Amino acid sequence: MLEQLGPQKLVEQLKAQAPQYAKLLPDLPRLVHAYLRNGAQADKETLRALLDEQRRTNRLLQALLYGGLGFVLGLVVLQMMLRFRLF
Protein backbone atom coordinates (compact mmCIF):
# COMPACT_ATOMS: atom_id res chain seq x y z
CA MET A 1 0.00 0.00 0.00
CA LEU A 2 2.81 2.43 0.83
CA GLU A 3 4.41 1.65 -2.54
CA GLN A 4 1.28 2.92 -4.26
CA LEU A 5 0.38 5.90 -2.05
CA GLY A 6 3.36 6.57 0.19
CA PRO A 7 5.85 9.42 0.31
CA GLN A 8 8.32 7.56 -1.90
CA LYS A 9 5.71 7.27 -4.66
CA LEU A 10 4.99 11.00 -4.33
CA VAL A 11 8.67 11.86 -4.76
CA GLU A 12 8.91 9.56 -7.80
CA GLN A 13 5.88 11.20 -9.41
CA LEU A 14 7.23 14.68 -8.72
CA LYS A 15 10.53 13.75 -10.35
CA ALA A 16 8.72 12.31 -13.37
CA GLN A 17 6.58 15.42 -13.79
CA ALA A 18 9.29 17.98 -13.02
CA PRO A 19 9.88 18.87 -16.70
CA GLN A 20 6.20 19.70 -17.12
CA TYR A 21 6.25 21.86 -14.00
CA ALA A 22 9.36 23.65 -15.25
CA LYS A 23 7.47 24.65 -18.41
CA LEU A 24 4.39 25.71 -16.44
CA LEU A 25 6.05 27.81 -13.72
CA PRO A 26 7.07 30.80 -15.91
CA ASP A 27 3.45 31.23 -17.06
CA LEU A 28 1.97 30.86 -13.58
CA PRO A 29 2.01 34.56 -12.52
CA ARG A 30 0.31 35.61 -15.78
CA LEU A 31 -2.30 32.87 -15.42
CA VAL A 32 -3.01 33.79 -11.80
CA HIS A 33 -3.34 37.47 -12.72
CA ALA A 34 -5.72 36.67 -15.61
CA TYR A 35 -7.83 34.47 -13.37
CA LEU A 36 -8.03 37.08 -10.61
CA ARG A 37 -8.97 39.76 -13.12
CA ASN A 38 -11.50 37.78 -15.19
CA GLY A 39 -12.27 34.78 -13.02
CA ALA A 40 -14.53 36.67 -10.65
CA GLN A 41 -16.79 37.72 -13.54
CA ALA A 42 -16.90 34.18 -14.92
CA ASP A 43 -17.68 32.87 -11.44
CA LYS A 44 -20.55 35.35 -11.11
CA GLU A 45 -21.99 34.26 -14.44
CA THR A 46 -21.67 30.61 -13.51
CA LEU A 47 -23.26 31.23 -10.13
CA ARG A 48 -26.10 33.19 -11.75
CA ALA A 49 -26.73 30.32 -14.18
CA LEU A 50 -26.71 27.80 -11.33
CA LEU A 51 -29.15 29.89 -9.30
CA ASP A 52 -31.49 30.25 -12.27
CA GLU A 53 -31.41 26.51 -12.84
CA GLN A 54 -32.03 25.87 -9.14
CA ARG A 55 -35.07 28.17 -9.18
CA ARG A 56 -36.42 26.41 -12.25
CA THR A 57 -35.92 23.02 -10.61
CA ASN A 58 -37.64 24.22 -7.44
CA ARG A 59 -40.65 25.43 -9.44
CA LEU A 60 -40.90 22.10 -11.24
CA LEU A 61 -40.66 20.17 -7.97
CA GLN A 62 -43.33 22.35 -6.38
CA ALA A 63 -45.66 21.80 -9.34
CA LEU A 64 -45.05 18.05 -9.15
CA LEU A 65 -45.66 18.01 -5.41
CA TYR A 66 -48.86 20.05 -5.64
CA GLY A 67 -50.11 17.91 -8.53
CA GLY A 68 -49.43 14.71 -6.61
CA LEU A 69 -51.02 16.11 -3.47
CA GLY A 70 -54.11 17.16 -5.43
CA PHE A 71 -54.37 13.72 -6.99
CA VAL A 72 -54.13 11.97 -3.60
CA LEU A 73 -56.63 14.39 -2.06
CA GLY A 74 -59.01 13.74 -4.95
CA LEU A 75 -58.71 9.99 -4.39
CA VAL A 76 -59.43 10.40 -0.69
CA VAL A 77 -62.50 12.55 -1.38
CA LEU A 78 -63.73 10.05 -3.98
CA GLN A 79 -63.30 7.17 -1.54
CA MET A 80 -65.20 9.08 1.13
CA MET A 81 -68.00 9.81 -1.31
CA LEU A 82 -68.26 6.16 -2.27
CA ARG A 83 -68.11 4.87 1.29
CA PHE A 84 -70.70 7.25 2.67
CA ARG A 85 -72.86 7.16 -0.47
CA LEU A 86 -73.13 10.90 -0.78
CA PHE A 87 -74.26 10.60 -4.42
C-alpha atoms as a PDB file:
ATOM      1  CA  MET A   1       0.000   0.000   0.000  1.00  0.00           C
ATOM      2  CA  LEU A   2       2.808   2.430   0.828  1.00  0.00           C
ATOM      3  CA  GLU A   3       4.411   1.654  -2.536  1.00  0.00           C
ATOM      4  CA  GLN A   4       1.276   2.921  -4.260  1.00  0.00           C
ATOM      5  CA  LEU A   5       0.381   5.898  -2.048  1.00  0.00           C
ATOM      6  CA  GLY A   6       3.356   6.569   0.193  1.00  0.00           C
ATOM      7  CA  PRO A   7       5.850   9.424   0.313  1.00  0.00           C
ATOM      8  CA  GLN A   8       8.319   7.555  -1.901  1.00  0.00           C
ATOM      9  CA  LYS A   9       5.712   7.271  -4.662  1.00  0.00           C
ATOM     10  CA  LEU A  10       4.993  10.998  -4.327  1.00  0.00           C
ATOM     11  CA  VAL A  11       8.668  11.859  -4.762  1.00  0.00           C
ATOM     12  CA  GLU A  12       8.909   9.560  -7.804  1.00  0.00           C
ATOM     13  CA  GLN A  13       5.878  11.204  -9.414  1.00  0.00           C
ATOM     14  CA  LEU A  14       7.226  14.680  -8.720  1.00  0.00           C
ATOM     15  CA  LYS A  15      10.532  13.751 -10.347  1.00  0.00           C
ATOM     16  CA  ALA A  16       8.719  12.309 -13.366  1.00  0.00           C
ATOM     17  CA  GLN A  17       6.581  15.425 -13.793  1.00  0.00           C
ATOM     18  CA  ALA A  18       9.293  17.976 -13.023  1.00  0.00           C
ATOM     19  CA  PRO A  19       9.876  18.875 -16.705  1.00  0.00           C
ATOM     20  CA  GLN A  20       6.199  19.703 -17.124  1.00  0.00           C
ATOM     21  CA  TYR A  21       6.245  21.857 -13.996  1.00  0.00           C
ATOM     22  CA  ALA A  22       9.360  23.654 -15.247  1.00  0.00           C
ATOM     23  CA  LYS A  23       7.467  24.646 -18.405  1.00  0.00           C
ATOM     24  CA  LEU A  24       4.388  25.715 -16.441  1.00  0.00           C
ATOM     25  CA  LEU A  25       6.051  27.809 -13.724  1.00  0.00           C
ATOM     26  CA  PRO A  26       7.065  30.799 -15.913  1.00  0.00           C
ATOM     27  CA  ASP A  27       3.449  31.230 -17.059  1.00  0.00           C
ATOM     28  CA  LEU A  28       1.968  30.863 -13.585  1.00  0.00           C
ATOM     29  CA  PRO A  29       2.007  34.561 -12.524  1.00  0.00           C
ATOM     30  CA  ARG A  30       0.306  35.611 -15.776  1.00  0.00           C
ATOM     31  CA  LEU A  31      -2.302  32.866 -15.424  1.00  0.00           C
ATOM     32  CA  VAL A  32      -3.013  33.794 -11.802  1.00  0.00           C
ATOM     33  CA  HIS A  33      -3.342  37.466 -12.723  1.00  0.00           C
ATOM     34  CA  ALA A  34      -5.716  36.674 -15.605  1.00  0.00           C
ATOM     35  CA  TYR A  35      -7.834  34.472 -13.366  1.00  0.00           C
ATOM     36  CA  LEU A  36      -8.029  37.075 -10.608  1.00  0.00           C
ATOM     37  CA  ARG A  37      -8.973  39.756 -13.121  1.00  0.00           C
ATOM     38  CA  ASN A  38     -11.500  37.776 -15.190  1.00  0.00           C
ATOM     39  CA  GLY A  39     -12.272  34.779 -13.020  1.00  0.00           C
ATOM     40  CA  ALA A  40     -14.529  36.672 -10.653  1.00  0.00           C
ATOM     41  CA  GLN A  41     -16.790  37.717 -13.541  1.00  0.00           C
ATOM     42  CA  ALA A  42     -16.901  34.182 -14.916  1.00  0.00           C
ATOM     43  CA  ASP A  43     -17.680  32.868 -11.442  1.00  0.00           C
ATOM     44  CA  LYS A  44     -20.549  35.349 -11.112  1.00  0.00           C
ATOM     45  CA  GLU A  45     -21.987  34.263 -14.435  1.00  0.00           C
ATOM     46  CA  THR A  46     -21.666  30.610 -13.509  1.00  0.00           C
ATOM     47  CA  LEU A  47     -23.255  31.235 -10.127  1.00  0.00           C
ATOM     48  CA  ARG A  48     -26.101  33.185 -11.755  1.00  0.00           C
ATOM     49  CA  ALA A  49     -26.729  30.317 -14.183  1.00  0.00           C
ATOM     50  CA  LEU A  50     -26.710  27.800 -11.329  1.00  0.00           C
ATOM     51  CA  LEU A  51     -29.145  29.893  -9.299  1.00  0.00           C
ATOM     52  CA  ASP A  52     -31.492  30.250 -12.271  1.00  0.00           C
ATOM     53  CA  GLU A  53     -31.415  26.509 -12.840  1.00  0.00           C
ATOM     54  CA  GLN A  54     -32.027  25.868  -9.136  1.00  0.00           C
ATOM     55  CA  ARG A  55     -35.068  28.174  -9.177  1.00  0.00           C
ATOM     56  CA  ARG A  56     -36.416  26.411 -12.252  1.00  0.00           C
ATOM     57  CA  THR A  57     -35.918  23.018 -10.606  1.00  0.00           C
ATOM     58  CA  ASN A  58     -37.644  24.222  -7.439  1.00  0.00           C
ATOM     59  CA  ARG A  59     -40.652  25.434  -9.437  1.00  0.00           C
ATOM     60  CA  LEU A  60     -40.899  22.101 -11.238  1.00  0.00           C
ATOM     61  CA  LEU A  61     -40.659  20.168  -7.974  1.00  0.00           C
ATOM     62  CA  GLN A  62     -43.335  22.354  -6.380  1.00  0.00           C
ATOM     63  CA  ALA A  63     -45.655  21.797  -9.340  1.00  0.00           C
ATOM     64  CA  LEU A  64     -45.054  18.048  -9.154  1.00  0.00           C
ATOM     65  CA  LEU A  65     -45.656  18.009  -5.415  1.00  0.00           C
ATOM     66  CA  TYR A  66     -48.860  20.045  -5.639  1.00  0.00           C
ATOM     67  CA  GLY A  67     -50.107  17.913  -8.528  1.00  0.00           C
ATOM     68  CA  GLY A  68     -49.431  14.709  -6.606  1.00  0.00           C
ATOM     69  CA  LEU A  69     -51.022  16.114  -3.474  1.00  0.00           C
ATOM     70  CA  GLY A  70     -54.109  17.162  -5.426  1.00  0.00           C
ATOM     71  CA  PHE A  71     -54.374  13.720  -6.989  1.00  0.00           C
ATOM     72  CA  VAL A  72     -54.133  11.967  -3.604  1.00  0.00           C
ATOM     73  CA  LEU A  73     -56.630  14.387  -2.064  1.00  0.00           C
ATOM     74  CA  GLY A  74     -59.010  13.735  -4.949  1.00  0.00           C
ATOM     75  CA  LEU A  75     -58.715   9.988  -4.395  1.00  0.00           C
ATOM     76  CA  VAL A  76     -59.427  10.402  -0.685  1.00  0.00           C
ATOM     77  CA  VAL A  77     -62.498  12.549  -1.384  1.00  0.00           C
ATOM     78  CA  LEU A  78     -63.728  10.051  -3.982  1.00  0.00           C
ATOM     79  CA  GLN A  79     -63.295   7.168  -1.536  1.00  0.00           C
ATOM     80  CA  MET A  80     -65.200   9.075   1.133  1.00  0.00           C
ATOM     81  CA  MET A  81     -68.001   9.811  -1.314  1.00  0.00           C
ATOM     82  CA  LEU A  82     -68.264   6.161  -2.268  1.00  0.00           C
ATOM     83  CA  ARG A  83     -68.115   4.871   1.294  1.00  0.00           C
ATOM     84  CA  PHE A  84     -70.699   7.249   2.672  1.00  0.00           C
ATOM     85  CA  ARG A  85     -72.860   7.160  -0.471  1.00  0.00           C
ATOM     86  CA  LEU A  86     -73.129  10.899  -0.781  1.00  0.00           C
ATOM     87  CA  PHE A  87     -74.265  10.598  -4.415  1.00  0.00           C
END
